[in-house]
Amino acid sequence: MRSSVLAAAVLVLTGCTSAVAGTATAPAAPSPGLLGSVDLAAVDDELTPRDVVALDDGSFLVLLTGDSYYGREAGSALVELVPGADGPTVGTVTAGAPYVGGSEVHVADDGTVVAVGSVPVGDGDDEQLDVALTVLAPGAERTEVRVLPADPELGTADRATAALAPHGRTLYAALRWYVVGGDEVTRLVTVDVATGAVTAGADLQVTAPGGADVADLALRPDGGLTALVTTYRVPGEGDSDAVLVGYDAGLRLAGGPVDVIGDGSEGHGHALRVLDDGTAVVSLSTSGTDHRLVTVRDGAVEESHALPFIAAEVDVAPGSRRVWLNLGSAEVHTVAPLDVDTGELGRQVPLCSEGGAPLDLAVSADGGTLVASGVCAGGDVAHLVG
């Protein structure tokens, strides 16, 4: 058993109703309460929580993966979490691709689940990686794994950040290659989910002296793509900036870059979400101590709101302008809502009694519940709060 608890905390957002498109007035500020926590190490103590997504039936799916950095074996599992009157319970657990690091999970409108992450090439050498999809079709009991083909010039990609089209047939991804003896390379691609074939590709089309990488991707309501890009001021991934860049569905540049830091400070972005009206919401940090939530619309920064801690992840229910933040520092791990129009931060809900680290966050479609994953120190702990 691992010494730390990898917990997925399920909250009911009591005392509120989610805002929906066309609502005349905003809902009252929510009063969230922690219902309980699930120790994911009890599911598999060699896997680490990487991502979580909300499903249409009100349940959630947590992606667990291996972690080569900590010497853990390759592997993955899609773990269903079912909220109930007595807190969350673990439902179906489905094995996936042999992931060894940072990975993501996405869900299409028809319920198709697509995970993407790094897998060892060949006999399991973690030094040489490829990117693979794990696809779980609606009603299927087993997943299908599709390894992306090698690029003719760059070889196999090492890492991916992705967004899934609502129809589930196309995955938009930023692939990253660690080129021996040269700069790292990041390119945008579209992937046919049914086959794993790369159907189109393009450069980031962002100029940066030290290169650029994609921290997060999100689809826009018009069918285009928004990328949260980290640009480096000098080679070697030293001081960096955070910019938003827009692309059309064909990966052609369609807006930006927009400097989301704006004051010349060095920094980087953590997470990106695009609201139903096209407003982009970005969490970022500057110089390691200044944390913000920034909104961007029509190619310009609208608002910049100070945050008490790093917002490792941001999510929002459809139609809402109240986002939820997975917040944390060395001593604190909480979740809290923030009104993007006013910058008002709602009551923080503590998730760990002895510090912790925030990982991911997913809000249900009706805005009534959320799952926040993280690492909590101090042994096996389960919290249930009504």
Protein backbone atom coordinates (compact mmCIF):
# COMPACT_ATOMS: atom_id res chain seq x y z
CA MET A 1 0.00 0.00 0.00
CA ARG A 2 1.31 3.46 -0.81
CA SER A 3 2.01 5.85 2.03
CA SER A 4 -0.20 8.57 0.60
CA VAL A 5 -3.89 8.49 -0.18
CA LEU A 6 -4.85 9.12 -3.78
CA ALA A 7 -8.32 10.41 -3.21
CA ALA A 8 -11.17 11.37 -5.46
CA ALA A 9 -13.42 13.60 -3.42
CA VAL A 10 -17.06 13.78 -4.45
CA LEU A 11 -19.01 16.87 -3.51
CA VAL A 12 -22.67 17.79 -3.78
CA LEU A 13 -23.10 21.44 -4.58
CA THR A 14 -26.03 21.97 -2.28
CA GLY A 15 -28.08 25.12 -2.14
CA CYS A 16 -27.59 26.02 -5.81
CA THR A 17 -28.88 25.47 -9.27
CA SER A 18 -26.62 25.60 -12.30
CA ALA A 19 -26.98 28.51 -14.69
CA VAL A 20 -28.17 27.52 -18.15
CA ALA A 21 -28.24 29.31 -21.46
CA GLY A 22 -31.09 31.79 -21.58
CA THR A 23 -31.48 32.12 -17.80
CA ALA A 24 -32.41 35.69 -16.94
CA THR A 25 -30.71 35.86 -13.52
CA ALA A 26 -27.67 34.15 -12.06
CA PRO A 27 -28.25 31.55 -9.34
CA ALA A 28 -27.46 32.18 -5.72
CA ALA A 29 -23.92 31.42 -4.57
CA PRO A 30 -23.58 27.70 -3.94
CA SER A 31 -22.91 26.19 -0.53
CA PRO A 32 -20.89 23.07 -1.36
CA GLY A 33 -20.40 20.23 1.07
CA LEU A 34 -18.02 17.28 0.96
CA LEU A 35 -19.91 13.98 0.76
CA GLY A 36 -17.00 11.57 0.89
CA SER A 37 -13.71 10.39 -0.56
CA VAL A 38 -12.57 7.23 -2.30
CA ASP A 39 -9.07 5.87 -1.74
CA LEU A 40 -8.03 5.05 -5.29
CA ALA A 41 -4.99 3.14 -4.04
CA ALA A 42 -7.50 0.49 -2.92
CA VAL A 43 -8.41 0.03 -6.59
CA ASP A 44 -4.78 -0.37 -7.69
CA ASP A 45 -1.91 0.83 -5.50
CA GLU A 46 0.53 0.88 -8.42
CA LEU A 47 -1.48 3.36 -10.46
CA THR A 48 -1.81 7.14 -10.07
CA PRO A 49 -4.90 9.30 -10.76
CA ARG A 50 -4.35 11.43 -13.85
CA ASP A 51 -7.68 12.76 -15.07
CA VAL A 52 -11.41 12.64 -14.42
CA VAL A 53 -14.45 13.23 -16.62
CA ALA A 54 -18.16 13.51 -15.93
CA LEU A 55 -20.61 11.14 -17.66
CA ASP A 56 -24.16 11.94 -18.74
CA ASP A 57 -25.71 9.51 -16.24
CA GLY A 58 -24.31 11.48 -13.29
CA SER A 59 -21.36 9.19 -12.62
CA PHE A 60 -17.69 10.01 -13.16
CA LEU A 61 -14.74 8.23 -14.73
CA VAL A 62 -11.26 8.52 -13.23
CA LEU A 63 -8.20 7.58 -15.28
CA LEU A 64 -5.43 5.85 -13.31
CA THR A 65 -2.05 5.24 -14.95
CA GLY A 66 1.43 3.96 -14.27
CA ASP A 67 4.22 6.41 -13.54
CA SER A 68 7.75 5.75 -14.79
CA TYR A 69 9.10 8.77 -12.89
CA TYR A 70 8.32 7.01 -9.60
CA GLY A 71 9.32 3.58 -10.87
CA ARG A 72 5.78 2.24 -11.12
CA GLU A 73 4.84 -0.26 -13.79
CA ALA A 74 3.06 0.73 -16.99
CA GLY A 75 -0.70 0.31 -16.97
CA SER A 76 -4.01 2.11 -16.74
CA ALA A 77 -7.56 1.71 -15.53
CA LEU A 78 -10.80 3.59 -16.10
CA VAL A 79 -12.53 3.68 -12.73
CA GLU A 80 -16.24 4.49 -12.51
CA LEU A 81 -17.29 6.53 -9.47
CA VAL A 82 -20.98 6.52 -8.63
CA PRO A 83 -22.29 9.24 -6.26
CA GLY A 84 -24.85 8.01 -3.75
CA ALA A 85 -26.67 8.97 -0.59
CA ASP A 86 -23.81 7.57 1.50
CA GLY A 87 -21.06 9.04 -0.66
CA PRO A 88 -19.25 7.77 -3.75
CA THR A 89 -18.69 4.12 -4.55
CA VAL A 90 -16.42 2.43 -7.07
CA GLY A 91 -18.29 0.88 -9.98
CA THR A 92 -16.82 -0.78 -13.05
CA VAL A 93 -13.03 -0.83 -13.44
CA THR A 94 -11.79 -1.29 -17.03
CA ALA A 95 -8.16 -1.87 -18.00
CA GLY A 96 -6.62 0.34 -20.69
CA ALA A 97 -3.33 1.00 -22.46
CA PRO A 98 0.01 0.62 -20.60
CA TYR A 99 0.45 4.31 -19.86
CA VAL A 100 3.56 5.44 -17.98
CA GLY A 101 2.93 9.12 -17.32
CA GLY A 102 0.72 12.09 -17.95
CA SER A 103 -2.51 11.02 -19.63
CA GLU A 104 -6.00 12.37 -20.25
CA VAL A 105 -9.53 11.03 -20.62
CA HIS A 106 -12.36 12.53 -22.69
CA VAL A 107 -15.96 11.55 -23.43
CA ALA A 108 -18.05 12.15 -26.56
CA ASP A 109 -21.75 13.04 -26.70
CA ASP A 110 -22.66 9.41 -27.44
CA GLY A 111 -20.73 8.16 -24.39
CA THR A 112 -17.60 6.97 -26.20
CA VAL A 113 -14.63 7.32 -23.84
CA VAL A 114 -11.19 8.13 -25.29
CA ALA A 115 -8.03 8.26 -23.19
CA VAL A 116 -4.70 9.40 -24.61
CA GLY A 117 -1.25 9.07 -23.10
CA SER A 118 2.33 7.86 -23.37
CA VAL A 119 3.17 4.16 -23.66
CA PRO A 120 6.55 2.38 -23.84
CA VAL A 121 7.70 1.39 -27.31
CA GLY A 122 8.41 -2.26 -28.04
CA ASP A 123 9.45 -4.37 -25.04
CA GLY A 124 8.70 -1.70 -22.47
CA ASP A 125 11.69 0.67 -22.56
CA ASP A 126 10.38 3.74 -20.75
CA GLU A 127 13.07 5.87 -22.40
CA GLN A 128 11.38 5.46 -25.78
CA LEU A 129 7.71 6.38 -25.81
CA ASP A 130 4.77 6.51 -28.17
CA VAL A 131 1.29 7.98 -27.89
CA ALA A 132 -1.70 5.63 -27.73
CA LEU A 133 -5.47 5.93 -27.51
CA THR A 134 -7.64 3.83 -25.22
CA VAL A 135 -11.17 3.67 -26.64
CA LEU A 136 -14.17 2.39 -24.67
CA ALA A 137 -17.31 2.25 -26.81
CA PRO A 138 -20.76 2.69 -25.20
CA GLY A 139 -21.81 -0.58 -23.61
CA ALA A 140 -18.46 -2.27 -24.25
CA GLU A 141 -16.80 -4.31 -21.50
CA ARG A 142 -13.28 -4.02 -22.90
CA THR A 143 -11.22 -1.19 -24.31
CA GLU A 144 -9.41 -1.04 -27.63
CA VAL A 145 -5.89 0.39 -27.82
CA ARG A 146 -4.66 2.26 -30.89
CA VAL A 147 -1.03 3.39 -31.10
CA LEU A 148 -0.41 6.48 -33.18
CA PRO A 149 1.93 5.97 -36.15
CA ALA A 150 5.44 7.39 -36.09
CA ASP A 151 6.10 10.65 -37.89
CA PRO A 152 8.33 10.04 -40.95
CA GLU A 153 10.85 12.66 -39.78
CA LEU A 154 10.43 12.90 -36.01
CA GLY A 155 9.61 9.29 -35.13
CA THR A 156 7.24 8.42 -32.28
CA ALA A 157 5.83 11.25 -30.20
CA ASP A 158 6.51 11.27 -26.46
CA ARG A 159 3.50 13.12 -25.09
CA ALA A 160 0.06 14.42 -26.04
CA THR A 161 -2.44 17.01 -24.90
CA ALA A 162 -5.84 16.57 -26.54
CA ALA A 163 -9.47 17.59 -27.03
CA LEU A 164 -12.19 15.26 -28.34
CA ALA A 165 -14.76 16.43 -30.89
CA PRO A 166 -18.33 16.12 -29.53
CA HIS A 167 -19.21 13.44 -32.12
CA GLY A 168 -16.28 11.35 -30.87
CA ARG A 169 -14.78 10.56 -34.28
CA THR A 170 -11.92 13.06 -34.24
CA LEU A 171 -9.29 13.75 -31.59
CA TYR A 172 -7.39 17.02 -31.78
CA ALA A 173 -3.96 16.66 -30.20
CA ALA A 174 -0.75 18.57 -29.58
CA LEU A 175 2.02 15.99 -29.91
CA ARG A 176 5.44 16.61 -28.42
CA TRP A 177 8.72 15.05 -29.49
CA TYR A 178 11.94 15.09 -27.48
CA VAL A 179 14.48 15.26 -30.29
CA VAL A 180 17.93 13.92 -29.32
CA GLY A 181 20.54 16.61 -29.87
CA GLY A 182 17.98 19.23 -30.85
CA ASP A 183 15.02 21.29 -29.69
CA GLU A 184 11.76 19.79 -28.55
CA VAL A 185 9.09 19.88 -31.23
CA THR A 186 5.33 20.31 -30.76
CA ARG A 187 2.84 19.88 -33.60
CA LEU A 188 -0.95 19.88 -33.85
CA VAL A 189 -2.64 16.85 -35.42
CA THR A 190 -6.09 15.43 -35.96
CA VAL A 191 -6.55 11.73 -35.27
CA ASP A 192 -9.22 9.34 -36.52
CA VAL A 193 -10.41 7.72 -33.30
CA ALA A 194 -11.66 4.61 -35.12
CA THR A 195 -8.24 3.75 -36.55
CA GLY A 196 -5.64 5.84 -34.71
CA ALA A 197 -4.50 7.30 -38.04
CA VAL A 198 -3.23 10.88 -38.14
CA THR A 199 -5.39 12.65 -40.72
CA ALA A 200 -3.89 16.16 -40.67
CA GLY A 201 -1.02 18.05 -39.07
CA ALA A 202 0.29 21.58 -38.63
CA ASP A 203 2.95 23.51 -36.73
CA LEU A 204 1.90 25.63 -33.73
CA GLN A 205 2.51 28.74 -35.86
CA VAL A 206 3.79 30.58 -32.80
CA THR A 207 7.15 32.34 -32.79
CA ALA A 208 9.23 31.91 -29.62
CA PRO A 209 13.03 32.19 -29.21
CA GLY A 210 13.20 29.11 -26.97
CA GLY A 211 10.40 27.08 -28.52
CA ALA A 212 6.81 26.47 -27.47
CA ASP A 213 4.69 23.73 -25.91
CA VAL A 214 0.96 23.25 -25.37
CA ALA A 215 -0.27 23.13 -21.78
CA ASP A 216 -3.94 22.53 -22.60
CA LEU A 217 -6.39 22.37 -25.51
CA ALA A 218 -10.10 23.15 -25.69
CA LEU A 219 -12.73 23.18 -28.42
CA ARG A 220 -14.65 26.37 -29.15
CA PRO A 221 -18.41 26.59 -29.80
CA ASP A 222 -17.71 27.50 -33.46
CA GLY A 223 -15.88 24.19 -34.01
CA GLY A 224 -12.42 25.70 -33.80
CA LEU A 225 -9.66 24.99 -31.31
CA THR A 226 -8.00 27.09 -28.59
CA ALA A 227 -4.53 26.22 -27.29
CA LEU A 228 -2.94 27.39 -24.05
CA VAL A 229 0.68 27.65 -25.18
CA THR A 230 3.82 28.03 -23.10
CA THR A 231 6.48 30.00 -24.99
CA TYR A 232 10.09 30.03 -23.79
CA ARG A 233 12.19 33.19 -23.87
CA VAL A 234 15.46 31.29 -24.37
CA PRO A 235 16.26 27.68 -25.33
CA GLY A 236 16.27 25.16 -22.51
CA GLU A 237 12.84 25.83 -20.98
CA GLY A 238 13.89 28.72 -18.76
CA ASP A 239 11.70 31.81 -18.34
CA SER A 240 8.37 31.40 -20.08
CA ASP A 241 5.20 33.20 -21.08
CA ALA A 242 1.62 32.01 -21.49
CA VAL A 243 -0.38 32.81 -24.62
CA LEU A 244 -3.73 31.74 -26.07
CA VAL A 245 -3.79 30.77 -29.75
CA GLY A 246 -6.85 30.02 -31.88
CA TYR A 247 -7.11 27.57 -34.79
CA ASP A 248 -9.91 26.58 -37.12
CA ALA A 249 -11.01 22.96 -37.52
CA GLY A 250 -8.36 22.55 -40.23
CA LEU A 251 -5.61 23.60 -37.75
CA ARG A 252 -5.06 26.94 -39.52
CA LEU A 253 -4.21 29.93 -37.33
CA ALA A 254 -7.43 31.78 -36.49
CA GLY A 255 -6.56 34.18 -33.70
CA GLY A 256 -3.81 35.25 -31.34
CA PRO A 257 -1.45 34.84 -29.79
CA VAL A 258 -2.97 36.63 -26.80
CA ASP A 259 -0.60 37.29 -23.89
CA VAL A 260 -2.66 36.17 -20.89
CA ILE A 261 -0.12 37.35 -18.30
CA GLY A 262 0.08 40.84 -19.75
CA ASP A 263 2.47 42.60 -17.35
CA GLY A 264 5.80 41.23 -18.56
CA SER A 265 6.10 38.73 -15.70
CA GLU A 266 7.48 35.27 -16.35
CA GLY A 267 4.90 32.54 -15.91
CA HIS A 268 2.93 29.66 -17.35
CA GLY A 269 -0.62 28.41 -17.67
CA HIS A 270 -2.12 25.41 -15.90
CA ALA A 271 -5.60 24.82 -17.30
CA LEU A 272 -8.00 26.08 -19.97
CA ARG A 273 -11.75 25.93 -20.43
CA VAL A 274 -13.93 27.61 -23.07
CA LEU A 275 -17.43 28.67 -21.98
CA ASP A 276 -20.51 28.28 -24.15
CA ASP A 277 -20.30 31.92 -25.31
CA GLY A 278 -16.68 31.50 -26.46
CA THR A 279 -15.02 33.09 -23.45
CA ALA A 280 -11.73 31.35 -22.64
CA VAL A 281 -10.88 30.84 -18.96
CA VAL A 282 -7.24 30.27 -18.05
CA SER A 283 -5.58 29.50 -14.72
CA LEU A 284 -1.93 30.56 -14.51
CA SER A 285 0.95 31.35 -12.20
CA THR A 286 3.68 33.97 -12.45
CA SER A 287 7.07 33.64 -10.78
CA GLY A 288 5.68 30.77 -8.69
CA THR A 289 3.78 32.92 -6.18
CA ASP A 290 1.19 34.96 -8.08
CA HIS A 291 -1.79 32.88 -9.15
CA ARG A 292 -4.61 34.16 -11.38
CA LEU A 293 -7.71 33.25 -13.32
CA VAL A 294 -7.90 35.17 -16.59
CA THR A 295 -10.77 35.48 -19.06
CA VAL A 296 -10.19 36.15 -22.77
CA ARG A 297 -12.81 37.09 -25.34
CA ASP A 298 -12.57 38.41 -28.92
CA GLY A 299 -8.79 38.30 -28.88
CA ALA A 300 -8.24 40.33 -25.71
CA VAL A 301 -7.99 39.79 -21.95
CA GLU A 302 -11.27 40.80 -20.28
CA GLU A 303 -10.60 40.15 -16.61
CA SER A 304 -7.77 38.93 -14.38
CA HIS A 305 -8.71 37.63 -10.93
CA ALA A 306 -6.23 36.89 -8.14
CA LEU A 307 -6.33 33.39 -6.64
CA PRO A 308 -5.08 32.28 -3.20
CA PHE A 309 -3.36 29.14 -4.53
CA ILE A 310 -2.47 27.36 -7.76
CA ALA A 311 -5.59 26.31 -9.68
CA ALA A 312 -4.35 23.01 -11.11
CA GLU A 313 -7.62 22.44 -12.95
CA VAL A 314 -10.74 24.35 -13.95
CA ASP A 315 -14.14 23.04 -15.00
CA VAL A 316 -17.64 24.36 -15.54
CA ALA A 317 -21.13 23.01 -16.14
CA PRO A 318 -22.67 23.71 -19.57
CA GLY A 319 -24.20 27.18 -19.75
CA SER A 320 -22.69 28.36 -16.48
CA ARG A 321 -20.35 31.29 -15.86
CA ARG A 322 -19.36 30.00 -12.44
CA VAL A 323 -16.24 27.88 -12.78
CA TRP A 324 -14.88 25.42 -10.23
CA LEU A 325 -11.21 25.40 -9.29
CA ASN A 326 -9.05 22.58 -7.90
CA LEU A 327 -6.78 24.65 -5.65
CA GLY A 328 -3.71 23.77 -3.66
CA SER A 329 -0.27 24.45 -2.22
CA ALA A 330 2.13 22.42 -0.06
CA GLU A 331 -0.24 22.71 2.92
CA VAL A 332 -3.66 23.17 1.32
CA HIS A 333 -5.92 21.27 -1.08
CA THR A 334 -9.40 22.70 -1.63
CA VAL A 335 -12.02 23.28 -4.30
CA ALA A 336 -13.98 26.50 -4.72
CA PRO A 337 -16.31 28.21 -7.21
CA LEU A 338 -15.46 31.51 -8.87
CA ASP A 339 -17.80 33.87 -10.74
CA VAL A 340 -15.90 34.81 -13.91
CA ASP A 341 -17.78 38.11 -14.25
CA THR A 342 -17.17 39.47 -10.76
CA GLY A 343 -14.10 37.51 -9.67
CA GLU A 344 -15.86 36.55 -6.44
CA LEU A 345 -14.37 33.35 -4.99
CA GLY A 346 -16.87 31.22 -3.12
CA ARG A 347 -16.28 29.22 0.04
CA GLN A 348 -13.36 26.84 -0.24
CA VAL A 349 -14.06 23.19 0.62
CA PRO A 350 -11.06 21.49 2.28
CA LEU A 351 -10.25 18.05 0.82
CA CYS A 352 -7.15 17.07 2.82
CA SER A 353 -6.58 17.46 6.55
CA GLU A 354 -2.77 17.32 6.22
CA GLY A 355 -1.89 19.12 3.03
CA GLY A 356 -2.04 17.53 -0.39
CA ALA A 357 -1.74 18.23 -4.08
CA PRO A 358 -4.59 19.01 -6.49
CA LEU A 359 -4.76 17.05 -9.74
CA ASP A 360 -7.96 17.17 -11.77
CA LEU A 361 -11.58 18.22 -11.59
CA ALA A 362 -14.85 17.41 -13.36
CA VAL A 363 -18.28 18.99 -12.87
CA SER A 364 -21.44 17.06 -13.74
CA ALA A 365 -23.56 18.17 -16.68
CA ASP A 366 -26.29 19.56 -14.41
CA GLY A 367 -23.78 21.37 -12.19
CA GLY A 368 -24.99 19.50 -9.11
CA THR A 369 -21.89 17.44 -8.30
CA LEU A 370 -18.18 17.39 -8.97
CA VAL A 371 -15.20 15.11 -8.53
CA ALA A 372 -11.79 16.52 -7.58
CA SER A 373 -8.77 14.24 -7.58
CA GLY A 374 -5.57 14.81 -5.65
CA VAL A 375 -2.90 13.36 -3.40
CA CYS A 376 -3.54 13.48 0.36
CA ALA A 377 -0.75 12.70 2.82
CA GLY A 378 -1.15 10.97 6.16
CA GLY A 379 -2.46 7.49 5.47
CA ASP A 380 -5.74 5.99 4.25
CA VAL A 381 -8.45 8.57 4.91
CA ALA A 382 -12.10 8.76 3.84
CA HIS A 383 -14.15 11.94 4.41
CA LEU A 384 -17.93 12.11 4.43
CA VAL A 385 -19.55 15.52 4.97
CA GLY A 386 -23.27 16.25 4.54
